[in-house]
Amino acid sequence: MFKRYDTSCFSTKDIAELAMIDKKITCHISRHSFGNIAGDKIPVQMLQKLYRHSDISTTIGYQSHFDHSKTDKALNNVLDF
């Protein structure tokens, strides 16, 4: 089990050390990692709030870079002929 920390007062460097990540972590990398993990698992309205986007179209556009479910399904259909 992982120990939980209040990360609101930590820098990305601190969080990387806690997670034992030996690479430089930036806010940009963190945001992209979250988007990639979230994929289509979190409703877009919730993601809008988490990203603090004022316009949902911004969130939809941003998440479109991470949602590969349609591509994966199409590929599986070809492979499972």
N, C-alpha and C. Protein backbone atom coordinates (compact mmCIF):
# COMPACT_ATOMS: atom_id res chain seq x y z
N MET A 1 0.83 -1.17 0.00
CA MET A 1 0.00 0.00 0.00
C MET A 1 0.88 1.24 0.00
N PHE A 2 0.44 2.24 -0.74
CA PHE A 2 1.20 3.48 -0.82
C PHE A 2 0.79 4.44 0.29
N LYS A 3 1.73 5.17 0.80
CA LYS A 3 1.44 6.21 1.77
C LYS A 3 0.89 7.42 1.02
N ARG A 4 -0.18 7.99 1.51
CA ARG A 4 -0.79 9.15 0.86
C ARG A 4 -0.20 10.44 1.44
N TYR A 5 0.07 11.40 0.57
CA TYR A 5 0.61 12.69 0.96
C TYR A 5 -0.32 13.79 0.46
N ASP A 6 -0.36 14.89 1.18
CA ASP A 6 -1.05 16.08 0.67
C ASP A 6 -0.05 16.75 -0.26
N THR A 7 -0.25 16.56 -1.57
CA THR A 7 0.73 17.04 -2.56
C THR A 7 0.50 18.49 -2.96
N SER A 8 -0.47 19.17 -2.35
CA SER A 8 -0.76 20.55 -2.75
C SER A 8 0.40 21.50 -2.45
N CYS A 9 1.26 21.12 -1.53
CA CYS A 9 2.38 22.00 -1.19
C CYS A 9 3.72 21.45 -1.69
N PHE A 10 3.68 20.45 -2.55
CA PHE A 10 4.90 19.85 -3.08
C PHE A 10 5.19 20.37 -4.48
N SER A 11 6.45 20.46 -4.82
CA SER A 11 6.84 20.79 -6.19
C SER A 11 6.84 19.49 -7.01
N THR A 12 6.89 19.63 -8.33
CA THR A 12 6.96 18.43 -9.16
C THR A 12 8.23 17.63 -8.86
N LYS A 13 9.30 18.33 -8.50
CA LYS A 13 10.54 17.64 -8.14
C LYS A 13 10.34 16.80 -6.88
N ASP A 14 9.64 17.37 -5.88
CA ASP A 14 9.36 16.63 -4.65
C ASP A 14 8.51 15.39 -4.93
N ILE A 15 7.50 15.56 -5.75
CA ILE A 15 6.60 14.44 -6.07
C ILE A 15 7.35 13.35 -6.82
N ALA A 16 8.22 13.75 -7.74
CA ALA A 16 9.03 12.77 -8.48
C ALA A 16 9.91 11.97 -7.52
N GLU A 17 10.49 12.65 -6.54
CA GLU A 17 11.33 11.95 -5.56
C GLU A 17 10.48 10.98 -4.73
N LEU A 18 9.29 11.41 -4.30
CA LEU A 18 8.41 10.53 -3.52
C LEU A 18 8.00 9.30 -4.32
N ALA A 19 7.81 9.49 -5.64
CA ALA A 19 7.40 8.39 -6.52
C ALA A 19 8.59 7.60 -7.04
N MET A 20 9.79 7.98 -6.60
CA MET A 20 11.04 7.34 -7.02
C MET A 20 11.21 7.40 -8.54
N ILE A 21 10.90 8.54 -9.12
CA ILE A 21 11.11 8.78 -10.54
C ILE A 21 12.40 9.56 -10.67
N ASP A 22 13.34 9.03 -11.44
CA ASP A 22 14.65 9.66 -11.51
C ASP A 22 14.79 10.60 -12.71
N LYS A 23 13.69 10.93 -13.37
CA LYS A 23 13.73 11.86 -14.50
C LYS A 23 13.14 13.19 -14.09
N LYS A 24 13.49 14.25 -14.82
CA LYS A 24 12.94 15.56 -14.53
C LYS A 24 11.45 15.56 -14.89
N ILE A 25 10.61 15.94 -13.95
CA ILE A 25 9.17 16.01 -14.17
C ILE A 25 8.76 17.48 -14.16
N THR A 26 8.06 17.88 -15.20
CA THR A 26 7.56 19.26 -15.30
C THR A 26 6.04 19.23 -15.20
N CYS A 27 5.44 20.40 -15.03
CA CYS A 27 3.98 20.49 -15.01
C CYS A 27 3.41 20.00 -16.35
N HIS A 28 4.09 20.32 -17.43
CA HIS A 28 3.64 19.90 -18.76
C HIS A 28 3.63 18.37 -18.87
N ILE A 29 4.69 17.73 -18.43
CA ILE A 29 4.77 16.27 -18.47
C ILE A 29 3.70 15.67 -17.56
N SER A 30 3.52 16.25 -16.38
CA SER A 30 2.50 15.75 -15.45
C SER A 30 1.11 15.83 -16.06
N ARG A 31 0.81 16.95 -16.70
CA ARG A 31 -0.51 17.15 -17.31
C ARG A 31 -0.74 16.14 -18.44
N HIS A 32 0.26 15.95 -19.27
CA HIS A 32 0.14 14.98 -20.37
C HIS A 32 0.03 13.55 -19.84
N SER A 33 0.77 13.23 -18.81
CA SER A 33 0.68 11.89 -18.22
C SER A 33 -0.72 11.65 -17.68
N PHE A 34 -1.27 12.64 -16.99
CA PHE A 34 -2.62 12.51 -16.47
C PHE A 34 -3.62 12.33 -17.60
N GLY A 35 -3.50 13.14 -18.64
CA GLY A 35 -4.42 13.04 -19.78
C GLY A 35 -4.36 11.68 -20.45
N ASN A 36 -3.16 11.16 -20.56
CA ASN A 36 -2.97 9.85 -21.18
C ASN A 36 -3.59 8.75 -20.33
N ILE A 37 -3.39 8.82 -19.02
CA ILE A 37 -3.95 7.82 -18.12
C ILE A 37 -5.47 7.94 -18.06
N ALA A 38 -5.98 9.17 -18.02
CA ALA A 38 -7.43 9.38 -17.94
C ALA A 38 -8.13 8.84 -19.17
N GLY A 39 -7.53 9.07 -20.35
CA GLY A 39 -8.10 8.57 -21.60
C GLY A 39 -9.59 8.80 -21.67
N ASP A 40 -10.35 7.73 -21.80
CA ASP A 40 -11.80 7.85 -21.85
C ASP A 40 -12.43 7.32 -20.56
N LYS A 41 -11.63 7.20 -19.51
CA LYS A 41 -12.11 6.63 -18.24
C LYS A 41 -12.83 7.66 -17.37
N ILE A 42 -12.57 8.94 -17.59
CA ILE A 42 -13.16 10.01 -16.78
C ILE A 42 -14.05 10.84 -17.70
N PRO A 43 -15.29 11.12 -17.28
CA PRO A 43 -16.20 11.94 -18.12
C PRO A 43 -15.58 13.30 -18.45
N VAL A 44 -15.84 13.75 -19.66
CA VAL A 44 -15.21 14.99 -20.14
C VAL A 44 -15.58 16.19 -19.27
N GLN A 45 -16.77 16.21 -18.69
CA GLN A 45 -17.17 17.32 -17.83
C GLN A 45 -16.31 17.35 -16.56
N MET A 46 -15.97 16.19 -16.04
CA MET A 46 -15.10 16.13 -14.86
C MET A 46 -13.67 16.54 -15.23
N LEU A 47 -13.21 16.10 -16.39
CA LEU A 47 -11.88 16.50 -16.85
C LEU A 47 -11.80 18.01 -17.03
N GLN A 48 -12.87 18.60 -17.56
CA GLN A 48 -12.90 20.05 -17.73
C GLN A 48 -12.64 20.75 -16.39
N LYS A 49 -13.27 20.26 -15.34
CA LYS A 49 -13.07 20.85 -14.01
C LYS A 49 -11.66 20.59 -13.50
N LEU A 50 -11.16 19.37 -13.71
CA LEU A 50 -9.81 19.05 -13.24
C LEU A 50 -8.73 19.84 -13.97
N TYR A 51 -8.93 20.05 -15.27
CA TYR A 51 -7.97 20.85 -16.05
C TYR A 51 -8.17 22.34 -15.85
N ARG A 52 -9.33 22.71 -15.27
CA ARG A 52 -9.71 24.11 -15.09
C ARG A 52 -9.86 24.84 -16.42
N HIS A 53 -10.43 24.14 -17.41
CA HIS A 53 -10.74 24.74 -18.69
C HIS A 53 -12.08 25.46 -18.58
N SER A 54 -12.17 26.67 -19.10
CA SER A 54 -13.45 27.39 -19.05
C SER A 54 -14.39 26.91 -20.16
N ASP A 55 -13.84 26.41 -21.24
CA ASP A 55 -14.65 25.96 -22.39
C ASP A 55 -14.43 24.46 -22.58
N ILE A 56 -15.53 23.72 -22.63
CA ILE A 56 -15.43 22.26 -22.75
C ILE A 56 -14.80 21.83 -24.07
N SER A 57 -14.91 22.66 -25.10
CA SER A 57 -14.29 22.31 -26.38
C SER A 57 -12.76 22.24 -26.25
N THR A 58 -12.20 23.02 -25.35
CA THR A 58 -10.76 22.95 -25.09
C THR A 58 -10.41 21.58 -24.51
N THR A 59 -11.22 21.11 -23.57
CA THR A 59 -10.99 19.80 -22.96
C THR A 59 -11.14 18.69 -23.98
N ILE A 60 -12.18 18.78 -24.80
CA ILE A 60 -12.41 17.76 -25.83
C ILE A 60 -11.24 17.70 -26.79
N GLY A 61 -10.76 18.86 -27.22
CA GLY A 61 -9.61 18.91 -28.12
C GLY A 61 -8.36 18.35 -27.48
N TYR A 62 -8.15 18.71 -26.22
CA TYR A 62 -6.96 18.24 -25.50
C TYR A 62 -7.00 16.73 -25.33
N GLN A 63 -8.14 16.20 -24.90
CA GLN A 63 -8.25 14.76 -24.66
C GLN A 63 -8.24 13.95 -25.94
N SER A 64 -8.57 14.57 -27.06
CA SER A 64 -8.58 13.81 -28.32
C SER A 64 -7.19 13.27 -28.65
N HIS A 65 -6.16 13.88 -28.08
CA HIS A 65 -4.79 13.40 -28.31
C HIS A 65 -4.50 12.11 -27.55
N PHE A 66 -5.34 11.81 -26.54
CA PHE A 66 -5.07 10.67 -25.67
C PHE A 66 -6.05 9.53 -25.81
N ASP A 67 -7.19 9.76 -26.46
CA ASP A 67 -8.22 8.72 -26.57
C ASP A 67 -7.98 7.90 -27.83
N HIS A 68 -7.47 6.69 -27.64
CA HIS A 68 -7.16 5.82 -28.76
C HIS A 68 -8.11 4.63 -28.83
N SER A 69 -9.24 4.70 -28.10
CA SER A 69 -10.14 3.55 -28.02
C SER A 69 -10.73 3.18 -29.37
N LYS A 70 -11.08 4.17 -30.20
CA LYS A 70 -11.64 3.85 -31.52
C LYS A 70 -10.59 3.20 -32.41
N THR A 71 -9.38 3.70 -32.36
CA THR A 71 -8.29 3.12 -33.14
C THR A 71 -7.98 1.71 -32.67
N ASP A 72 -7.94 1.52 -31.34
CA ASP A 72 -7.68 0.19 -30.79
C ASP A 72 -8.76 -0.81 -31.20
N LYS A 73 -10.02 -0.38 -31.15
CA LYS A 73 -11.13 -1.25 -31.52
C LYS A 73 -11.05 -1.63 -33.00
N ALA A 74 -10.74 -0.66 -33.86
CA ALA A 74 -10.61 -0.94 -35.29
C ALA A 74 -9.49 -1.93 -35.55
N LEU A 75 -8.37 -1.74 -34.89
CA LEU A 75 -7.23 -2.66 -35.06
C LEU A 75 -7.59 -4.06 -34.57
N ASN A 76 -8.26 -4.13 -33.42
CA ASN A 76 -8.69 -5.44 -32.91
C ASN A 76 -9.65 -6.14 -33.86
N ASN A 77 -10.54 -5.38 -34.51
CA ASN A 77 -11.46 -5.96 -35.49
C ASN A 77 -10.70 -6.58 -36.67
N VAL A 78 -9.64 -5.94 -37.08
CA VAL A 78 -8.83 -6.46 -38.19
C VAL A 78 -8.08 -7.72 -37.73
N LEU A 79 -7.50 -7.66 -36.54
CA LEU A 79 -6.71 -8.79 -36.04
C LEU A 79 -7.56 -9.98 -35.66
N ASP A 80 -8.83 -9.75 -35.30
CA ASP A 80 -9.72 -10.83 -34.88
C ASP A 80 -10.63 -11.32 -35.99
N PHE A 81 -10.23 -11.13 -37.26
CA PHE A 81 -11.11 -11.52 -38.36
C PHE A 81 -11.31 -12.96 -38.29
